[in-house]
């Protein structure tokens, strides 16, 4: 069996937006509450609070007057938050030097939550996505889902500009087909052109962030001078967020097109293995590396080949 995800924009009504906001907040609260619990226990006796114990404690918490509001939220979403925490803590046990998982921040982290399809509680049909506790949400479906695909889970997210998306994961029977590798290509990282291939060609990367840098700086300065909590500041914050989102979308579109051209033309692609985080820190190339998008580009190549 194999998995494939499709990401669609969704259009919740005002009531559904309120429910999404509550869900984002509750899954973040649950994650942080038991992260604190796990850290304290580990520091006391070097043991872990298991996922099973966490779910039992959460069930008891829901019955208290103080936390009754958790019953309004999709219970599977809360359980998934604990699963994500358990995975993060297991990674900590494997590499203790990396430190404990970080607490989720309302400002720093993206608003999102995941839920799992059980007994048909999630459906996708006729341009609508049905989610537990949320109901039917209008969806812009720009891809046809094969009939044999089985819906597994959904991750709902909200961008900083206020748009909502649903990433829907499907499971399907993967039929592996052997093919002869006849056409090969090598790619070397290029700071300004994205890459240079073994034929000497470069894609002339536009550098979207660099092109928008002056405008972004100007709008950021306007934002910093506005009074916190004012309507004008919120409007300006959305304007800045939309600019960042536009740059991100332009970069992603370019990388998708470049990776598709290469995978259509070649059977095997060999790429330079680089630590992009280390490069951005040690070589003072932070903006150039981030604008370049090499890491995202190689990810696209891997799953398209």
C-alpha atoms as a PDB file:
ATOM      1  CA  UNK A   1       0.000   0.000   0.000  1.00  0.00           C
ATOM      2  CA  UNK A   2       1.115   3.564  -0.707  1.00  0.00           C
ATOM      3  CA  UNK A   3      -0.049   7.010   0.379  1.00  0.00           C
ATOM      4  CA  UNK A   4      -0.737  10.178  -1.569  1.00  0.00           C
ATOM      5  CA  UNK A   5      -1.848  13.575  -0.264  1.00  0.00           C
ATOM      6  CA  UNK A   6      -3.854  16.260  -2.048  1.00  0.00           C
ATOM      7  CA  UNK A   7      -4.029  19.814  -0.771  1.00  0.00           C
ATOM      8  CA  UNK A   8      -7.183  21.824  -1.482  1.00  0.00           C
ATOM      9  CA  UNK A   9      -8.330  25.240  -0.379  1.00  0.00           C
ATOM     10  CA  UNK A  10     -11.469  25.207   1.773  1.00  0.00           C
ATOM     11  CA  UNK A  11     -13.989  27.986   2.444  1.00  0.00           C
ATOM     12  CA  UNK A  12     -15.504  27.706   5.946  1.00  0.00           C
ATOM     13  CA  UNK A  13     -18.425  29.927   6.964  1.00  0.00           C
ATOM     14  CA  UNK A  14     -18.191  32.238   9.989  1.00  0.00           C
ATOM     15  CA  UNK A  15     -19.424  29.588  12.433  1.00  0.00           C
ATOM     16  CA  UNK A  16     -16.938  27.039  11.086  1.00  0.00           C
ATOM     17  CA  UNK A  17     -14.093  29.571  11.358  1.00  0.00           C
ATOM     18  CA  UNK A  18     -14.878  29.926  15.075  1.00  0.00           C
ATOM     19  CA  UNK A  19     -14.840  26.128  15.478  1.00  0.00           C
ATOM     20  CA  UNK A  20     -11.510  25.928  13.635  1.00  0.00           C
ATOM     21  CA  UNK A  21     -10.038  28.616  15.910  1.00  0.00           C
ATOM     22  CA  UNK A  22     -11.206  26.665  18.980  1.00  0.00           C
ATOM     23  CA  UNK A  23      -9.738  23.436  17.598  1.00  0.00           C
ATOM     24  CA  UNK A  24      -6.373  25.047  16.784  1.00  0.00           C
ATOM     25  CA  UNK A  25      -6.219  26.443  20.314  1.00  0.00           C
ATOM     26  CA  UNK A  26      -7.250  23.207  22.034  1.00  0.00           C
ATOM     27  CA  UNK A  27      -4.802  20.937  20.194  1.00  0.00           C
ATOM     28  CA  UNK A  28      -2.037  23.427  21.013  1.00  0.00           C
ATOM     29  CA  UNK A  29      -3.095  23.518  24.684  1.00  0.00           C
ATOM     30  CA  UNK A  30      -3.215  19.710  24.899  1.00  0.00           C
ATOM     31  CA  UNK A  31       0.228  19.414  23.294  1.00  0.00           C
ATOM     32  CA  UNK A  32       1.801  21.983  25.641  1.00  0.00           C
ATOM     33  CA  UNK A  33       0.077  20.622  28.771  1.00  0.00           C
ATOM     34  CA  UNK A  34       1.422  17.084  28.347  1.00  0.00           C
ATOM     35  CA  UNK A  35       4.781  18.267  27.036  1.00  0.00           C
ATOM     36  CA  UNK A  36       5.227  20.066  30.357  1.00  0.00           C
ATOM     37  CA  UNK A  37       4.056  16.904  32.151  1.00  0.00           C
ATOM     38  CA  UNK A  38       6.556  14.736  30.226  1.00  0.00           C
ATOM     39  CA  UNK A  39       9.461  17.119  30.810  1.00  0.00           C
ATOM     40  CA  UNK A  40       8.821  17.327  34.566  1.00  0.00           C
ATOM     41  CA  UNK A  41       8.615  13.539  34.931  1.00  0.00           C
ATOM     42  CA  UNK A  42      11.738  12.988  32.835  1.00  0.00           C
ATOM     43  CA  UNK A  43      13.702  15.499  34.915  1.00  0.00           C
ATOM     44  CA  UNK A  44      12.512  13.829  38.137  1.00  0.00           C
ATOM     45  CA  UNK A  45      13.183  10.159  37.358  1.00  0.00           C
ATOM     46  CA  UNK A  46      14.234   9.851  33.664  1.00  0.00           C
ATOM     47  CA  UNK A  47      10.992   8.082  32.687  1.00  0.00           C
ATOM     48  CA  UNK A  48       8.390   8.875  30.046  1.00  0.00           C
ATOM     49  CA  UNK A  49       4.643   9.480  30.323  1.00  0.00           C
ATOM     50  CA  UNK A  50       3.303   7.140  27.640  1.00  0.00           C
ATOM     51  CA  UNK A  51       0.664   8.007  25.042  1.00  0.00           C
ATOM     52  CA  UNK A  52      -1.810   5.631  26.753  1.00  0.00           C
ATOM     53  CA  UNK A  53      -1.397   7.399  30.097  1.00  0.00           C
ATOM     54  CA  UNK A  54      -1.811  10.798  28.421  1.00  0.00           C
ATOM     55  CA  UNK A  55      -5.097   9.780  26.741  1.00  0.00           C
ATOM     56  CA  UNK A  56      -6.477   8.431  30.038  1.00  0.00           C
ATOM     57  CA  UNK A  57      -5.543  11.656  31.814  1.00  0.00           C
ATOM     58  CA  UNK A  58      -7.142  13.709  29.037  1.00  0.00           C
ATOM     59  CA  UNK A  59     -10.380  11.689  29.291  1.00  0.00           C
ATOM     60  CA  UNK A  60     -10.493  12.468  33.020  1.00  0.00           C
ATOM     61  CA  UNK A  61      -9.675  16.126  32.365  1.00  0.00           C
ATOM     62  CA  UNK A  62     -12.674  16.472  30.010  1.00  0.00           C
ATOM     63  CA  UNK A  63     -15.005  15.530  32.869  1.00  0.00           C
ATOM     64  CA  UNK A  64     -13.865  18.447  35.037  1.00  0.00           C
ATOM     65  CA  UNK A  65     -15.707  21.774  34.992  1.00  0.00           C
ATOM     66  CA  UNK A  66     -12.553  23.691  34.069  1.00  0.00           C
ATOM     67  CA  UNK A  67     -11.893  21.689  30.886  1.00  0.00           C
ATOM     68  CA  UNK A  68     -15.408  20.818  29.734  1.00  0.00           C
ATOM     69  CA  UNK A  69     -14.797  22.949  26.627  1.00  0.00           C
ATOM     70  CA  UNK A  70     -12.591  20.138  25.250  1.00  0.00           C
ATOM     71  CA  UNK A  71     -15.788  18.141  24.573  1.00  0.00           C
ATOM     72  CA  UNK A  72     -16.713  20.694  21.887  1.00  0.00           C
ATOM     73  CA  UNK A  73     -13.637  19.677  19.877  1.00  0.00           C
ATOM     74  CA  UNK A  74     -13.089  16.669  17.607  1.00  0.00           C
ATOM     75  CA  UNK A  75     -11.745  14.061  20.057  1.00  0.00           C
ATOM     76  CA  UNK A  76      -9.588  12.423  17.374  1.00  0.00           C
ATOM     77  CA  UNK A  77      -7.843  15.752  16.720  1.00  0.00           C
ATOM     78  CA  UNK A  78      -6.899  15.943  20.410  1.00  0.00           C
ATOM     79  CA  UNK A  79      -5.630  12.351  20.329  1.00  0.00           C
ATOM     80  CA  UNK A  80      -3.564  13.118  17.219  1.00  0.00           C
ATOM     81  CA  UNK A  81      -1.979  16.047  19.042  1.00  0.00           C
ATOM     82  CA  UNK A  82      -0.865  13.613  21.762  1.00  0.00           C
ATOM     83  CA  UNK A  83       0.441  11.206  19.112  1.00  0.00           C
ATOM     84  CA  UNK A  84       2.524  13.982  17.535  1.00  0.00           C
ATOM     85  CA  UNK A  85       3.884  14.827  20.983  1.00  0.00           C
ATOM     86  CA  UNK A  86       4.715  11.171  21.633  1.00  0.00           C
ATOM     87  CA  UNK A  87       6.629  10.995  18.333  1.00  0.00           C
ATOM     88  CA  UNK A  88       8.513  14.196  19.158  1.00  0.00           C
ATOM     89  CA  UNK A  89       9.475  12.846  22.583  1.00  0.00           C
ATOM     90  CA  UNK A  90      10.582   9.500  21.119  1.00  0.00           C
ATOM     91  CA  UNK A  91      12.888  11.456  18.803  1.00  0.00           C
ATOM     92  CA  UNK A  92      14.255  13.227  21.878  1.00  0.00           C
ATOM     93  CA  UNK A  93      15.095   9.846  23.450  1.00  0.00           C
ATOM     94  CA  UNK A  94      16.985   8.875  20.284  1.00  0.00           C
ATOM     95  CA  UNK A  95      18.968  12.140  20.232  1.00  0.00           C
ATOM     96  CA  UNK A  96      18.938  13.726  23.726  1.00  0.00           C
ATOM     97  CA  UNK A  97      21.498  16.349  22.690  1.00  0.00           C
ATOM     98  CA  UNK A  98      18.858  18.049  20.544  1.00  0.00           C
ATOM     99  CA  UNK A  99      16.928  18.959  23.693  1.00  0.00           C
ATOM    100  CA  UNK A 100      13.263  18.628  24.602  1.00  0.00           C
ATOM    101  CA  UNK A 101      10.556  19.305  21.983  1.00  0.00           C
ATOM    102  CA  UNK A 102       9.557  22.966  21.857  1.00  0.00           C
ATOM    103  CA  UNK A 103       6.283  24.289  23.216  1.00  0.00           C
ATOM    104  CA  UNK A 104       3.842  25.418  20.533  1.00  0.00           C
ATOM    105  CA  UNK A 105       3.285  29.163  20.321  1.00  0.00           C
ATOM    106  CA  UNK A 106       0.161  30.892  19.035  1.00  0.00           C
ATOM    107  CA  UNK A 107       2.319  33.458  17.242  1.00  0.00           C
ATOM    108  CA  UNK A 108       5.268  31.340  16.110  1.00  0.00           C
ATOM    109  CA  UNK A 109       3.568  28.124  14.958  1.00  0.00           C
ATOM    110  CA  UNK A 110       1.163  27.677  12.064  1.00  0.00           C
ATOM    111  CA  UNK A 111      -2.449  26.970  13.008  1.00  0.00           C
ATOM    112  CA  UNK A 112      -3.203  23.361  12.089  1.00  0.00           C
ATOM    113  CA  UNK A 113      -4.673  20.102  13.338  1.00  0.00           C
ATOM    114  CA  UNK A 114      -5.025  16.540  12.052  1.00  0.00           C
ATOM    115  CA  UNK A 115      -7.923  14.115  12.264  1.00  0.00           C
ATOM    116  CA  UNK A 116      -8.357  10.503  11.132  1.00  0.00           C
ATOM    117  CA  UNK A 117     -11.132   8.917   9.077  1.00  0.00           C
ATOM    118  CA  UNK A 118     -12.972   6.310  11.189  1.00  0.00           C
ATOM    119  CA  UNK A 119     -16.260   4.660  10.137  1.00  0.00           C
ATOM    120  CA  UNK A 120     -16.902   7.260   7.434  1.00  0.00           C
ATOM    121  CA  UNK A 121     -16.741  10.303   9.728  1.00  0.00           C
ATOM    122  CA  UNK A 122     -14.848  12.164   6.966  1.00  0.00           C
ATOM    123  CA  UNK A 123     -16.168  12.332   3.403  1.00  0.00           C
ATOM    124  CA  UNK A 124     -15.265  14.169   0.200  1.00  0.00           C
ATOM    125  CA  UNK A 125     -17.983  14.531  -2.431  1.00  0.00           C
ATOM    126  CA  UNK A 126     -19.581  17.068  -4.764  1.00  0.00           C
ATOM    127  CA  UNK A 127     -17.179  19.875  -3.848  1.00  0.00           C
ATOM    128  CA  UNK A 128     -17.676  19.520  -0.092  1.00  0.00           C
ATOM    129  CA  UNK A 129     -15.508  18.084   2.672  1.00  0.00           C
ATOM    130  CA  UNK A 130     -17.249  16.741   5.771  1.00  0.00           C
ATOM    131  CA  UNK A 131     -15.230  16.910   9.012  1.00  0.00           C
ATOM    132  CA  UNK A 132     -16.121  15.782  12.572  1.00  0.00           C
ATOM    133  CA  UNK A 133     -17.682  18.593  14.675  1.00  0.00           C
ATOM    134  CA  UNK A 134     -17.287  20.994  11.721  1.00  0.00           C
ATOM    135  CA  UNK A 135     -19.757  19.627   9.172  1.00  0.00           C
ATOM    136  CA  UNK A 136     -19.800  20.230   5.416  1.00  0.00           C
ATOM    137  CA  UNK A 137     -17.204  22.724   4.129  1.00  0.00           C
ATOM    138  CA  UNK A 138     -17.036  24.072   0.600  1.00  0.00           C
ATOM    139  CA  UNK A 139     -13.851  22.946  -1.119  1.00  0.00           C
ATOM    140  CA  UNK A 140     -12.049  23.885  -4.345  1.00  0.00           C
ATOM    141  CA  UNK A 141     -11.185  20.475  -5.771  1.00  0.00           C
ATOM    142  CA  UNK A 142      -8.809  20.976  -8.700  1.00  0.00           C
ATOM    143  CA  UNK A 143      -7.769  17.307  -8.991  1.00  0.00           C
ATOM    144  CA  UNK A 144      -9.809  14.165  -9.598  1.00  0.00           C
ATOM    145  CA  UNK A 145      -9.392  11.497  -6.912  1.00  0.00           C
ATOM    146  CA  UNK A 146      -9.327   7.930  -8.337  1.00  0.00           C
ATOM    147  CA  UNK A 147     -12.222   5.768  -7.128  1.00  0.00           C
ATOM    148  CA  UNK A 148      -9.887   3.127  -5.679  1.00  0.00           C
ATOM    149  CA  UNK A 149      -8.239   5.633  -3.309  1.00  0.00           C
ATOM    150  CA  UNK A 150      -9.277   5.301   0.356  1.00  0.00           C
ATOM    151  CA  UNK A 151      -9.397   8.419   2.534  1.00  0.00           C
ATOM    152  CA  UNK A 152      -7.193   8.045   5.633  1.00  0.00           C
ATOM    153  CA  UNK A 153      -6.783  11.434   7.319  1.00  0.00           C
ATOM    154  CA  UNK A 154      -7.079  15.205   6.930  1.00  0.00           C
ATOM    155  CA  UNK A 155      -4.862  18.034   8.150  1.00  0.00           C
ATOM    156  CA  UNK A 156      -6.549  21.441   8.290  1.00  0.00           C
ATOM    157  CA  UNK A 157      -4.298  24.507   8.293  1.00  0.00           C
ATOM    158  CA  UNK A 158      -4.666  28.276   8.241  1.00  0.00           C
ATOM    159  CA  UNK A 159      -2.086  30.560   6.647  1.00  0.00           C
ATOM    160  CA  UNK A 160      -0.969  33.832   8.218  1.00  0.00           C
ATOM    161  CA  UNK A 161      -3.050  35.661   5.597  1.00  0.00           C
ATOM    162  CA  UNK A 162      -6.217  33.895   6.800  1.00  0.00           C
ATOM    163  CA  UNK A 163      -6.697  31.258   4.073  1.00  0.00           C
ATOM    164  CA  UNK A 164      -7.745  27.719   5.013  1.00  0.00           C
ATOM    165  CA  UNK A 165      -6.451  24.506   3.430  1.00  0.00           C
ATOM    166  CA  UNK A 166      -7.154  20.799   3.826  1.00  0.00           C
ATOM    167  CA  UNK A 167      -4.390  18.294   3.106  1.00  0.00           C
ATOM    168  CA  UNK A 168      -6.188  14.995   2.492  1.00  0.00           C
ATOM    169  CA  UNK A 169      -4.217  11.758   2.741  1.00  0.00           C
ATOM    170  CA  UNK A 170      -5.324   8.745   0.688  1.00  0.00           C
ATOM    171  CA  UNK A 171      -4.180   5.123   0.672  1.00  0.00           C
ATOM    172  CA  UNK A 172      -4.035   3.087  -2.534  1.00  0.00           C
ATOM    173  CA  UNK A 173      -2.677  -0.176  -3.927  1.00  0.00           C
ATOM    174  CA  UNK A 174       0.736   0.592  -5.375  1.00  0.00           C
ATOM    175  CA  UNK A 175       1.679  -1.495  -8.402  1.00  0.00           C
ATOM    176  CA  UNK A 176       5.451  -1.293  -8.757  1.00  0.00           C
ATOM    177  CA  UNK A 177       6.568  -1.302 -12.379  1.00  0.00           C
ATOM    178  CA  UNK A 178      10.154  -2.084 -13.241  1.00  0.00           C
ATOM    179  CA  UNK A 179      11.731   0.225 -15.772  1.00  0.00           C
ATOM    180  CA  UNK A 180      15.122   0.447 -17.402  1.00  0.00           C
ATOM    181  CA  UNK A 181      17.250   3.419 -16.424  1.00  0.00           C
ATOM    182  CA  UNK A 182      18.430   4.902 -19.704  1.00  0.00           C
ATOM    183  CA  UNK A 183      18.644   8.675 -19.209  1.00  0.00           C
ATOM    184  CA  UNK A 184      20.756  10.108 -16.369  1.00  0.00           C
ATOM    185  CA  UNK A 185      21.314  13.636 -15.096  1.00  0.00           C
ATOM    186  CA  UNK A 186      23.545  15.103 -12.392  1.00  0.00           C
ATOM    187  CA  UNK A 187      22.687  18.295 -10.491  1.00  0.00           C
ATOM    188  CA  UNK A 188      25.033  20.552  -8.495  1.00  0.00           C
ATOM    189  CA  UNK A 189      23.728  23.220  -6.119  1.00  0.00           C
ATOM    190  CA  UNK A 190      23.996  26.806  -7.384  1.00  0.00           C
ATOM    191  CA  UNK A 191      23.384  29.679  -4.975  1.00  0.00           C
ATOM    192  CA  UNK A 192      21.936  32.062  -7.560  1.00  0.00           C
ATOM    193  CA  UNK A 193      20.652  29.767 -10.343  1.00  0.00           C
ATOM    194  CA  UNK A 194      19.265  26.933  -8.162  1.00  0.00           C
ATOM    195  CA  UNK A 195      21.380  24.259  -9.887  1.00  0.00           C
ATOM    196  CA  UNK A 196      23.823  23.506 -12.685  1.00  0.00           C
ATOM    197  CA  UNK A 197      23.237  20.191 -14.437  1.00  0.00           C
ATOM    198  CA  UNK A 198      25.752  17.769 -15.947  1.00  0.00           C
ATOM    199  CA  UNK A 199      25.004  19.218 -19.386  1.00  0.00           C
ATOM    200  CA  UNK A 200      26.110  22.662 -18.208  1.00  0.00           C
ATOM    201  CA  UNK A 201      22.587  24.124 -18.173  1.00  0.00           C
ATOM    202  CA  UNK A 202      21.178  26.442 -15.490  1.00  0.00           C
ATOM    203  CA  UNK A 203      17.474  27.290 -14.988  1.00  0.00           C
ATOM    204  CA  UNK A 204      17.882  31.081 -14.445  1.00  0.00           C
ATOM    205  CA  UNK A 205      16.176  31.158 -11.051  1.00  0.00           C
ATOM    206  CA  UNK A 206      14.241  34.464 -10.667  1.00  0.00           C
ATOM    207  CA  UNK A 207      15.068  35.036  -6.953  1.00  0.00           C
ATOM    208  CA  UNK A 208      11.553  35.943  -5.856  1.00  0.00           C
ATOM    209  CA  UNK A 209      12.430  36.996  -2.314  1.00  0.00           C
ATOM    210  CA  UNK A 210      15.268  39.248  -3.445  1.00  0.00           C
ATOM    211  CA  UNK A 211      12.958  40.900  -5.985  1.00  0.00           C
ATOM    212  CA  UNK A 212      10.323  41.601  -3.319  1.00  0.00           C
ATOM    213  CA  UNK A 213      12.770  42.450  -0.515  1.00  0.00           C
ATOM    214  CA  UNK A 214      12.502  46.251  -0.734  1.00  0.00           C
ATOM    215  CA  UNK A 215       8.708  46.197  -0.834  1.00  0.00           C
ATOM    216  CA  UNK A 216       8.589  43.742   2.076  1.00  0.00           C
ATOM    217  CA  UNK A 217      10.957  45.917   4.128  1.00  0.00           C
ATOM    218  CA  UNK A 218       8.846  49.008   3.426  1.00  0.00           C
ATOM    219  CA  UNK A 219       5.604  47.303   4.472  1.00  0.00           C
ATOM    220  CA  UNK A 220       7.290  45.815   7.564  1.00  0.00           C
ATOM    221  CA  UNK A 221       8.420  49.297   8.643  1.00  0.00           C
ATOM    222  CA  UNK A 222       4.857  50.570   8.300  1.00  0.00           C
ATOM    223  CA  UNK A 223       3.645  47.665  10.427  1.00  0.00           C
ATOM    224  CA  UNK A 224       6.209  48.274  13.182  1.00  0.00           C
ATOM    225  CA  UNK A 225       5.073  51.901  13.586  1.00  0.00           C
ATOM    226  CA  UNK A 226       1.373  51.093  14.019  1.00  0.00           C
ATOM    227  CA  UNK A 227      -0.378  50.785  17.365  1.00  0.00           C
ATOM    228  CA  UNK A 228      -0.713  47.211  18.606  1.00  0.00           C
ATOM    229  CA  UNK A 229      -4.290  45.943  18.642  1.00  0.00           C
ATOM    230  CA  UNK A 230      -5.575  48.546  16.158  1.00  0.00           C
ATOM    231  CA  UNK A 231      -7.595  47.653  13.059  1.00  0.00           C
ATOM    232  CA  UNK A 232      -5.076  49.408  10.830  1.00  0.00           C
ATOM    233  CA  UNK A 233      -2.254  47.300  12.264  1.00  0.00           C
ATOM    234  CA  UNK A 234      -4.226  44.120  11.609  1.00  0.00           C
ATOM    235  CA  UNK A 235      -4.867  45.212   8.008  1.00  0.00           C
ATOM    236  CA  UNK A 236      -1.175  45.946   7.540  1.00  0.00           C
ATOM    237  CA  UNK A 237      -0.237  42.591   9.117  1.00  0.00           C
ATOM    238  CA  UNK A 238      -2.434  40.815   6.570  1.00  0.00           C
ATOM    239  CA  UNK A 239      -0.836  42.841   3.772  1.00  0.00           C
ATOM    240  CA  UNK A 240       2.654  41.763   4.862  1.00  0.00           C
ATOM    241  CA  UNK A 241       1.501  38.149   5.252  1.00  0.00           C
ATOM    242  CA  UNK A 242       0.048  38.155   1.728  1.00  0.00           C
ATOM    243  CA  UNK A 243       3.339  39.455   0.319  1.00  0.00           C
ATOM    244  CA  UNK A 244       5.263  36.653   2.013  1.00  0.00           C
ATOM    245  CA  UNK A 245       2.664  34.150   0.810  1.00  0.00           C
ATOM    246  CA  UNK A 246       2.967  35.403  -2.771  1.00  0.00           C
ATOM    247  CA  UNK A 247       6.757  34.985  -2.718  1.00  0.00           C
ATOM    248  CA  UNK A 248       6.386  31.479  -1.277  1.00  0.00           C
ATOM    249  CA  UNK A 249       3.795  30.484  -3.895  1.00  0.00           C
ATOM    250  CA  UNK A 250       5.919  31.862  -6.762  1.00  0.00           C
ATOM    251  CA  UNK A 251       8.953  29.921  -5.554  1.00  0.00           C
ATOM    252  CA  UNK A 252       6.964  26.716  -5.086  1.00  0.00           C
ATOM    253  CA  UNK A 253       5.388  27.015  -8.553  1.00  0.00           C
ATOM    254  CA  UNK A 254       8.801  27.503 -10.181  1.00  0.00           C
ATOM    255  CA  UNK A 255      10.298  24.523  -8.324  1.00  0.00           C
ATOM    256  CA  UNK A 256       7.345  22.291  -9.227  1.00  0.00           C
ATOM    257  CA  UNK A 257       7.708  23.150 -12.928  1.00  0.00           C
ATOM    258  CA  UNK A 258      11.485  22.646 -12.934  1.00  0.00           C
ATOM    259  CA  UNK A 259      11.271  19.302 -11.123  1.00  0.00           C
ATOM    260  CA  UNK A 260       8.497  18.118 -13.436  1.00  0.00           C
ATOM    261  CA  UNK A 261      10.527  18.981 -16.565  1.00  0.00           C
ATOM    262  CA  UNK A 262      13.501  17.022 -15.251  1.00  0.00           C
ATOM    263  CA  UNK A 263      11.543  13.943 -14.118  1.00  0.00           C
ATOM    264  CA  UNK A 264       9.709  13.800 -17.453  1.00  0.00           C
ATOM    265  CA  UNK A 265      12.996  13.856 -19.383  1.00  0.00           C
ATOM    266  CA  UNK A 266      15.243  11.623 -17.226  1.00  0.00           C
ATOM    267  CA  UNK A 267      14.995   8.227 -15.523  1.00  0.00           C
ATOM    268  CA  UNK A 268      17.633   8.833 -12.847  1.00  0.00           C
ATOM    269  CA  UNK A 269      18.803  12.097 -11.260  1.00  0.00           C
ATOM    270  CA  UNK A 270      21.882  12.338  -9.007  1.00  0.00           C
ATOM    271  CA  UNK A 271      21.921  15.380  -6.731  1.00  0.00           C
ATOM    272  CA  UNK A 272      24.495  17.004  -4.491  1.00  0.00           C
ATOM    273  CA  UNK A 273      23.888  16.177  -0.820  1.00  0.00           C
ATOM    274  CA  UNK A 274      24.120  19.374   1.259  1.00  0.00           C
ATOM    275  CA  UNK A 275      23.238  20.496   4.781  1.00  0.00           C
ATOM    276  CA  UNK A 276      21.275  23.638   3.911  1.00  0.00           C
ATOM    277  CA  UNK A 277      20.692  24.655   7.547  1.00  0.00           C
ATOM    278  CA  UNK A 278      24.415  24.550   8.244  1.00  0.00           C
ATOM    279  CA  UNK A 279      25.130  26.576   5.103  1.00  0.00           C
ATOM    280  CA  UNK A 280      22.653  29.284   6.053  1.00  0.00           C
ATOM    281  CA  UNK A 281      24.226  29.568   9.516  1.00  0.00           C
ATOM    282  CA  UNK A 282      27.953  29.205   8.919  1.00  0.00           C
ATOM    283  CA  UNK A 283      28.406  30.850   5.520  1.00  0.00           C
ATOM    284  CA  UNK A 284      26.178  33.860   6.194  1.00  0.00           C
ATOM    285  CA  UNK A 285      24.039  32.965   3.189  1.00  0.00           C
ATOM    286  CA  UNK A 286      20.755  32.853   5.116  1.00  0.00           C
ATOM    287  CA  UNK A 287      18.580  34.868   2.732  1.00  0.00           C
ATOM    288  CA  UNK A 288      20.139  33.418  -0.410  1.00  0.00           C
ATOM    289  CA  UNK A 289      19.730  29.829   0.790  1.00  0.00           C
ATOM    290  CA  UNK A 290      16.125  30.431   1.883  1.00  0.00           C
ATOM    291  CA  UNK A 291      15.244  32.136  -1.396  1.00  0.00           C
ATOM    292  CA  UNK A 292      16.955  29.416  -3.408  1.00  0.00           C
ATOM    293  CA  UNK A 293      14.653  26.601  -2.268  1.00  0.00           C
ATOM    294  CA  UNK A 294      17.119  23.773  -2.975  1.00  0.00           C
ATOM    295  CA  UNK A 295      15.785  21.592  -0.160  1.00  0.00           C
ATOM    296  CA  UNK A 296      12.198  21.848  -1.414  1.00  0.00           C
ATOM    297  CA  UNK A 297      13.372  21.257  -4.992  1.00  0.00           C
ATOM    298  CA  UNK A 298      15.138  17.990  -4.071  1.00  0.00           C
ATOM    299  CA  UNK A 299      12.043  16.839  -2.153  1.00  0.00           C
ATOM    300  CA  UNK A 300       9.908  17.420  -5.259  1.00  0.00           C
ATOM    301  CA  UNK A 301      12.396  15.471  -7.388  1.00  0.00           C
ATOM    302  CA  UNK A 302      12.393  12.485  -5.029  1.00  0.00           C
ATOM    303  CA  UNK A 303       8.652  11.916  -4.996  1.00  0.00           C
ATOM    304  CA  UNK A 304       8.154  12.637  -8.712  1.00  0.00           C
ATOM    305  CA  UNK A 305      10.779  10.213  -9.995  1.00  0.00           C
END
